[in-house]
Amino acid sequence: LAYIEEKEIVSYARHSQFPHQFCACPNSKTSKRRFVREILAQLEKDNKQIKNNLFICGLKGRVVRQREW
């Protein structure tokens, strides 16, 4: 799922008629996940490839760390 945009997952779930579950978490509106999502949305306005670039950087970092072992 890391390779798929959330909007595509939501679209597929609706198309497949999966039951919708609401988040009852009291911190859902102030979570770090939401905060990062908002930052990425802002960054995407200037660079449409920001998510892809960050993902690639993460993969490169993982390869470097594995070689250091």
PDB file of N, CA and C in Angstrom:
ATOM      1  N   LEU A   1       0.812  -1.202   0.000  1.00  0.00           N
ATOM      2  CA  LEU A   1       0.000   0.000   0.000  1.00  0.00           C
ATOM      3  C   LEU A   1       0.852   1.261   0.000  1.00  0.00           C
ATOM      4  N   ALA A   2       2.118   1.138   0.321  1.00  0.00           N
ATOM      5  CA  ALA A   2       2.994   2.305   0.340  1.00  0.00           C
ATOM      6  C   ALA A   2       3.147   2.913  -1.052  1.00  0.00           C
ATOM      7  N   TYR A   3       2.914   2.125  -2.075  1.00  0.00           N
ATOM      8  CA  TYR A   3       3.084   2.597  -3.445  1.00  0.00           C
ATOM      9  C   TYR A   3       1.826   3.238  -4.019  1.00  0.00           C
ATOM     10  N   ILE A   4       0.730   3.202  -3.279  1.00  0.00           N
ATOM     11  CA  ILE A   4      -0.559   3.659  -3.801  1.00  0.00           C
ATOM     12  C   ILE A   4      -1.034   4.896  -3.047  1.00  0.00           C
ATOM     13  N   GLU A   5      -1.496   5.887  -3.785  1.00  0.00           N
ATOM     14  CA  GLU A   5      -2.038   7.107  -3.174  1.00  0.00           C
ATOM     15  C   GLU A   5      -3.308   6.767  -2.392  1.00  0.00           C
ATOM     16  N   GLU A   6      -3.514   7.458  -1.292  1.00  0.00           N
ATOM     17  CA  GLU A   6      -4.685   7.205  -0.448  1.00  0.00           C
ATOM     18  C   GLU A   6      -5.983   7.397  -1.226  1.00  0.00           C
ATOM     19  N   LYS A   7      -6.029   8.403  -2.099  1.00  0.00           N
ATOM     20  CA  LYS A   7      -7.261   8.656  -2.852  1.00  0.00           C
ATOM     21  C   LYS A   7      -7.608   7.474  -3.763  1.00  0.00           C
ATOM     22  N   GLU A   8      -6.601   6.755  -4.255  1.00  0.00           N
ATOM     23  CA  GLU A   8      -6.864   5.581  -5.078  1.00  0.00           C
ATOM     24  C   GLU A   8      -7.419   4.436  -4.232  1.00  0.00           C
ATOM     25  N   ILE A   9      -6.919   4.300  -3.018  1.00  0.00           N
ATOM     26  CA  ILE A   9      -7.423   3.268  -2.110  1.00  0.00           C
ATOM     27  C   ILE A   9      -8.876   3.557  -1.748  1.00  0.00           C
ATOM     28  N   VAL A  10      -9.170   4.821  -1.459  1.00  0.00           N
ATOM     29  CA  VAL A  10     -10.538   5.224  -1.122  1.00  0.00           C
ATOM     30  C   VAL A  10     -11.468   4.958  -2.301  1.00  0.00           C
ATOM     31  N   SER A  11     -11.018   5.310  -3.498  1.00  0.00           N
ATOM     32  CA  SER A  11     -11.829   5.087  -4.694  1.00  0.00           C
ATOM     33  C   SER A  11     -12.104   3.595  -4.897  1.00  0.00           C
ATOM     34  N   TYR A  12     -11.091   2.780  -4.733  1.00  0.00           N
ATOM     35  CA  TYR A  12     -11.260   1.330  -4.883  1.00  0.00           C
ATOM     36  C   TYR A  12     -12.220   0.777  -3.829  1.00  0.00           C
ATOM     37  N   ALA A  13     -12.078   1.245  -2.598  1.00  0.00           N
ATOM     38  CA  ALA A  13     -12.945   0.779  -1.512  1.00  0.00           C
ATOM     39  C   ALA A  13     -14.405   1.128  -1.796  1.00  0.00           C
ATOM     40  N   ARG A  14     -14.637   2.339  -2.312  1.00  0.00           N
ATOM     41  CA  ARG A  14     -16.012   2.738  -2.657  1.00  0.00           C
ATOM     42  C   ARG A  14     -16.553   1.892  -3.799  1.00  0.00           C
ATOM     43  N   HIS A  15     -15.722   1.727  -4.828  1.00  0.00           N
ATOM     44  CA  HIS A  15     -16.121   0.935  -5.994  1.00  0.00           C
ATOM     45  C   HIS A  15     -16.442  -0.508  -5.592  1.00  0.00           C
ATOM     46  N   SER A  16     -15.679  -1.042  -4.654  1.00  0.00           N
ATOM     47  CA  SER A  16     -15.873  -2.418  -4.186  1.00  0.00           C
ATOM     48  C   SER A  16     -16.946  -2.524  -3.108  1.00  0.00           C
ATOM     49  N   GLN A  17     -17.493  -1.374  -2.735  1.00  0.00           N
ATOM     50  CA  GLN A  17     -18.558  -1.282  -1.729  1.00  0.00           C
ATOM     51  C   GLN A  17     -18.137  -1.860  -0.374  1.00  0.00           C
ATOM     52  N   PHE A  18     -16.888  -1.585  -0.002  1.00  0.00           N
ATOM     53  CA  PHE A  18     -16.447  -1.967   1.339  1.00  0.00           C
ATOM     54  C   PHE A  18     -17.179  -1.098   2.346  1.00  0.00           C
ATOM     55  N   PRO A  19     -17.518  -1.639   3.507  1.00  0.00           N
ATOM     56  CA  PRO A  19     -18.194  -0.812   4.516  1.00  0.00           C
ATOM     57  C   PRO A  19     -17.261   0.280   5.026  1.00  0.00           C
ATOM     58  N   HIS A  20     -17.811   1.466   5.216  1.00  0.00           N
ATOM     59  CA  HIS A  20     -17.020   2.610   5.693  1.00  0.00           C
ATOM     60  C   HIS A  20     -16.983   2.603   7.211  1.00  0.00           C
ATOM     61  N   GLN A  21     -15.807   2.815   7.765  1.00  0.00           N
ATOM     62  CA  GLN A  21     -15.676   2.889   9.212  1.00  0.00           C
ATOM     63  C   GLN A  21     -15.153   4.269   9.578  1.00  0.00           C
ATOM     64  N   PHE A  22     -15.814   4.907  10.508  1.00  0.00           N
ATOM     65  CA  PHE A  22     -15.405   6.230  10.943  1.00  0.00           C
ATOM     66  C   PHE A  22     -14.349   6.114  12.027  1.00  0.00           C
ATOM     67  N   CYS A  23     -13.434   7.043  12.021  1.00  0.00           N
ATOM     68  CA  CYS A  23     -12.375   7.063  13.025  1.00  0.00           C
ATOM     69  C   CYS A  23     -12.911   7.708  14.299  1.00  0.00           C
ATOM     70  N   ALA A  24     -12.907   6.957  15.375  1.00  0.00           N
ATOM     71  CA  ALA A  24     -13.408   7.473  16.650  1.00  0.00           C
ATOM     72  C   ALA A  24     -12.280   8.018  17.522  1.00  0.00           C
ATOM     73  N   CYS A  25     -11.085   8.055  16.994  1.00  0.00           N
ATOM     74  CA  CYS A  25      -9.938   8.517  17.773  1.00  0.00           C
ATOM     75  C   CYS A  25     -10.093  10.001  18.096  1.00  0.00           C
ATOM     76  N   PRO A  26      -9.984  10.379  19.363  1.00  0.00           N
ATOM     77  CA  PRO A  26     -10.142  11.792  19.732  1.00  0.00           C
ATOM     78  C   PRO A  26      -9.009  12.676  19.211  1.00  0.00           C
ATOM     79  N   ASN A  27      -7.890  12.079  18.820  1.00  0.00           N
ATOM     80  CA  ASN A  27      -6.752  12.854  18.320  1.00  0.00           C
ATOM     81  C   ASN A  27      -6.678  12.888  16.800  1.00  0.00           C
ATOM     82  N   SER A  28      -7.677  12.389  16.117  1.00  0.00           N
ATOM     83  CA  SER A  28      -7.612  12.284  14.660  1.00  0.00           C
ATOM     84  C   SER A  28      -7.474  13.638  13.965  1.00  0.00           C
ATOM     85  N   LYS A  29      -7.975  14.690  14.578  1.00  0.00           N
ATOM     86  CA  LYS A  29      -7.888  16.011  13.945  1.00  0.00           C
ATOM     87  C   LYS A  29      -6.576  16.721  14.258  1.00  0.00           C
ATOM     88  N   THR A  30      -5.832  16.236  15.245  1.00  0.00           N
ATOM     89  CA  THR A  30      -4.572  16.884  15.631  1.00  0.00           C
ATOM     90  C   THR A  30      -3.396  15.916  15.590  1.00  0.00           C
ATOM     91  N   SER A  31      -3.534  14.810  14.889  1.00  0.00           N
ATOM     92  CA  SER A  31      -2.486  13.793  14.872  1.00  0.00           C
ATOM     93  C   SER A  31      -1.288  14.238  14.031  1.00  0.00           C
ATOM     94  N   LYS A  32      -0.154  13.632  14.290  1.00  0.00           N
ATOM     95  CA  LYS A  32       1.060  13.894  13.504  1.00  0.00           C
ATOM     96  C   LYS A  32       0.859  13.442  12.063  1.00  0.00           C
ATOM     97  N   ARG A  33       0.104  12.372  11.869  1.00  0.00           N
ATOM     98  CA  ARG A  33      -0.163  11.881  10.514  1.00  0.00           C
ATOM     99  C   ARG A  33      -0.895  12.945   9.698  1.00  0.00           C
ATOM    100  N   ARG A  34      -1.900  13.566  10.299  1.00  0.00           N
ATOM    101  CA  ARG A  34      -2.643  14.628   9.616  1.00  0.00           C
ATOM    102  C   ARG A  34      -1.730  15.826   9.360  1.00  0.00           C
ATOM    103  N   PHE A  35      -0.900  16.155  10.346  1.00  0.00           N
ATOM    104  CA  PHE A  35       0.033  17.276  10.220  1.00  0.00           C
ATOM    105  C   PHE A  35       0.975  17.056   9.033  1.00  0.00           C
ATOM    106  N   VAL A  36       1.546  15.865   8.932  1.00  0.00           N
ATOM    107  CA  VAL A  36       2.457  15.553   7.822  1.00  0.00           C
ATOM    108  C   VAL A  36       1.699  15.563   6.502  1.00  0.00           C
ATOM    109  N   ARG A  37       0.478  15.054   6.495  1.00  0.00           N
ATOM    110  CA  ARG A  37      -0.349  15.063   5.281  1.00  0.00           C
ATOM    111  C   ARG A  37      -0.554  16.495   4.785  1.00  0.00           C
ATOM    112  N   GLU A  38      -0.811  17.417   5.711  1.00  0.00           N
ATOM    113  CA  GLU A  38      -1.010  18.825   5.347  1.00  0.00           C
ATOM    114  C   GLU A  38       0.281  19.454   4.829  1.00  0.00           C
ATOM    115  N   ILE A  39       1.407  19.129   5.441  1.00  0.00           N
ATOM    116  CA  ILE A  39       2.702  19.640   4.967  1.00  0.00           C
ATOM    117  C   ILE A  39       2.972  19.140   3.553  1.00  0.00           C
ATOM    118  N   LEU A  40       2.751  17.850   3.315  1.00  0.00           N
ATOM    119  CA  LEU A  40       2.968  17.300   1.975  1.00  0.00           C
ATOM    120  C   LEU A  40       2.061  17.961   0.945  1.00  0.00           C
ATOM    121  N   ALA A  41       0.836  18.247   1.313  1.00  0.00           N
ATOM    122  CA  ALA A  41      -0.088  18.919   0.391  1.00  0.00           C
ATOM    123  C   ALA A  41       0.446  20.299   0.021  1.00  0.00           C
ATOM    124  N   GLN A  42       0.994  21.010   0.995  1.00  0.00           N
ATOM    125  CA  GLN A  42       1.577  22.327   0.723  1.00  0.00           C
ATOM    126  C   GLN A  42       2.803  22.196  -0.188  1.00  0.00           C
ATOM    127  N   LEU A  43       3.669  21.233   0.102  1.00  0.00           N
ATOM    128  CA  LEU A  43       4.874  21.040  -0.708  1.00  0.00           C
ATOM    129  C   LEU A  43       4.532  20.624  -2.134  1.00  0.00           C
ATOM    130  N   GLU A  44       3.455  19.864  -2.300  1.00  0.00           N
ATOM    131  CA  GLU A  44       3.046  19.420  -3.635  1.00  0.00           C
ATOM    132  C   GLU A  44       2.611  20.572  -4.532  1.00  0.00           C
ATOM    133  N   LYS A  45       2.219  21.670  -3.940  1.00  0.00           N
ATOM    134  CA  LYS A  45       1.835  22.833  -4.743  1.00  0.00           C
ATOM    135  C   LYS A  45       3.032  23.363  -5.527  1.00  0.00           C
ATOM    136  N   ASP A  46       4.230  23.248  -4.956  1.00  0.00           N
ATOM    137  CA  ASP A  46       5.447  23.714  -5.625  1.00  0.00           C
ATOM    138  C   ASP A  46       6.150  22.610  -6.405  1.00  0.00           C
ATOM    139  N   ASN A  47       6.005  21.378  -5.942  1.00  0.00           N
ATOM    140  CA  ASN A  47       6.708  20.265  -6.572  1.00  0.00           C
ATOM    141  C   ASN A  47       5.789  19.043  -6.600  1.00  0.00           C
ATOM    142  N   LYS A  48       5.214  18.768  -7.753  1.00  0.00           N
ATOM    143  CA  LYS A  48       4.254  17.662  -7.886  1.00  0.00           C
ATOM    144  C   LYS A  48       4.894  16.295  -7.617  1.00  0.00           C
ATOM    145  N   GLN A  49       6.212  16.208  -7.697  1.00  0.00           N
ATOM    146  CA  GLN A  49       6.910  14.936  -7.510  1.00  0.00           C
ATOM    147  C   GLN A  49       7.449  14.742  -6.091  1.00  0.00           C
ATOM    148  N   ILE A  50       7.051  15.603  -5.148  1.00  0.00           N
ATOM    149  CA  ILE A  50       7.639  15.574  -3.810  1.00  0.00           C
ATOM    150  C   ILE A  50       7.468  14.216  -3.129  1.00  0.00           C
ATOM    151  N   LYS A  51       6.303  13.606  -3.208  1.00  0.00           N
ATOM    152  CA  LYS A  51       6.093  12.307  -2.552  1.00  0.00           C
ATOM    153  C   LYS A  51       6.980  11.240  -3.173  1.00  0.00           C
ATOM    154  N   ASN A  52       7.052  11.232  -4.484  1.00  0.00           N
ATOM    155  CA  ASN A  52       7.903  10.272  -5.181  1.00  0.00           C
ATOM    156  C   ASN A  52       9.369  10.489  -4.812  1.00  0.00           C
ATOM    157  N   ASN A  53       9.806  11.746  -4.787  1.00  0.00           N
ATOM    158  CA  ASN A  53      11.191  12.054  -4.439  1.00  0.00           C
ATOM    159  C   ASN A  53      11.526  11.605  -3.020  1.00  0.00           C
ATOM    160  N   LEU A  54      10.637  11.870  -2.079  1.00  0.00           N
ATOM    161  CA  LEU A  54      10.860  11.453  -0.694  1.00  0.00           C
ATOM    162  C   LEU A  54      10.889   9.933  -0.577  1.00  0.00           C
ATOM    163  N   PHE A  55      10.028   9.269  -1.311  1.00  0.00           N
ATOM    164  CA  PHE A  55       9.990   7.810  -1.285  1.00  0.00           C
ATOM    165  C   PHE A  55      11.307   7.237  -1.801  1.00  0.00           C
ATOM    166  N   ILE A  56      11.799   7.784  -2.910  1.00  0.00           N
ATOM    167  CA  ILE A  56      13.068   7.324  -3.483  1.00  0.00           C
ATOM    168  C   ILE A  56      14.216   7.577  -2.513  1.00  0.00           C
ATOM    169  N   CYS A  57      14.227   8.741  -1.872  1.00  0.00           N
ATOM    170  CA  CYS A  57      15.266   9.035  -0.877  1.00  0.00           C
ATOM    171  C   CYS A  57      15.213   8.028   0.269  1.00  0.00           C
ATOM    172  N   GLY A  58      14.030   7.672   0.690  1.00  0.00           N
ATOM    173  CA  GLY A  58      13.883   6.673   1.749  1.00  0.00           C
ATOM    174  C   GLY A  58      14.434   5.323   1.336  1.00  0.00           C
ATOM    175  N   LEU A  59      14.185   4.933   0.089  1.00  0.00           N
ATOM    176  CA  LEU A  59      14.716   3.665  -0.403  1.00  0.00           C
ATOM    177  C   LEU A  59      16.231   3.701  -0.487  1.00  0.00           C
ATOM    178  N   LYS A  60      16.776   4.812  -0.954  1.00  0.00           N
ATOM    179  CA  LYS A  60      18.234   4.932  -1.037  1.00  0.00           C
ATOM    180  C   LYS A  60      18.851   4.868   0.351  1.00  0.00           C
ATOM    181  N   GLY A  61      18.233   5.506   1.311  1.00  0.00           N
ATOM    182  CA  GLY A  61      18.731   5.469   2.683  1.00  0.00           C
ATOM    183  C   GLY A  61      18.714   4.064   3.249  1.00  0.00           C
ATOM    184  N   ARG A  62      17.684   3.307   2.911  1.00  0.00           N
ATOM    185  CA  ARG A  62      17.576   1.927   3.397  1.00  0.00           C
ATOM    186  C   ARG A  62      18.703   1.082   2.821  1.00  0.00           C
ATOM    187  N   VAL A  63      19.022   1.277   1.550  1.00  0.00           N
ATOM    188  CA  VAL A  63      20.094   0.512   0.913  1.00  0.00           C
ATOM    189  C   VAL A  63      21.427   0.854   1.562  1.00  0.00           C
ATOM    190  N   VAL A  64      21.667   2.130   1.816  1.00  0.00           N
ATOM    191  CA  VAL A  64      22.922   2.555   2.442  1.00  0.00           C
ATOM    192  C   VAL A  64      23.045   1.929   3.818  1.00  0.00           C
ATOM    193  N   ARG A  65      21.987   1.970   4.616  1.00  0.00           N
ATOM    194  CA  ARG A  65      22.036   1.414   5.966  1.00  0.00           C
ATOM    195  C   ARG A  65      22.289  -0.088   5.933  1.00  0.00           C
ATOM    196  N   GLN A  66      21.729  -0.787   4.979  1.00  0.00           N
ATOM    197  CA  GLN A  66      21.946  -2.229   4.901  1.00  0.00           C
ATOM    198  C   GLN A  66      23.395  -2.537   4.556  1.00  0.00           C
ATOM    199  N   ARG A  67      24.001  -1.739   3.714  1.00  0.00           N
ATOM    200  CA  ARG A  67      25.396  -1.970   3.337  1.00  0.00           C
ATOM    201  C   ARG A  67      26.336  -1.700   4.505  1.00  0.00           C
ATOM    202  N   GLU A  68      25.956  -0.803   5.391  1.00  0.00           N
ATOM    203  CA  GLU A  68      26.800  -0.479   6.536  1.00  0.00           C
ATOM    204  C   GLU A  68      26.861  -1.624   7.531  1.00  0.00           C
ATOM    205  N   TRP A  69      25.903  -2.538   7.509  1.00  0.00           N
ATOM    206  CA  TRP A  69      25.881  -3.651   8.458  1.00  0.00           C
ATOM    207  C   TRP A  69      26.955  -4.577   8.077  1.00  0.00           C
TER     208      TRP A  69
END
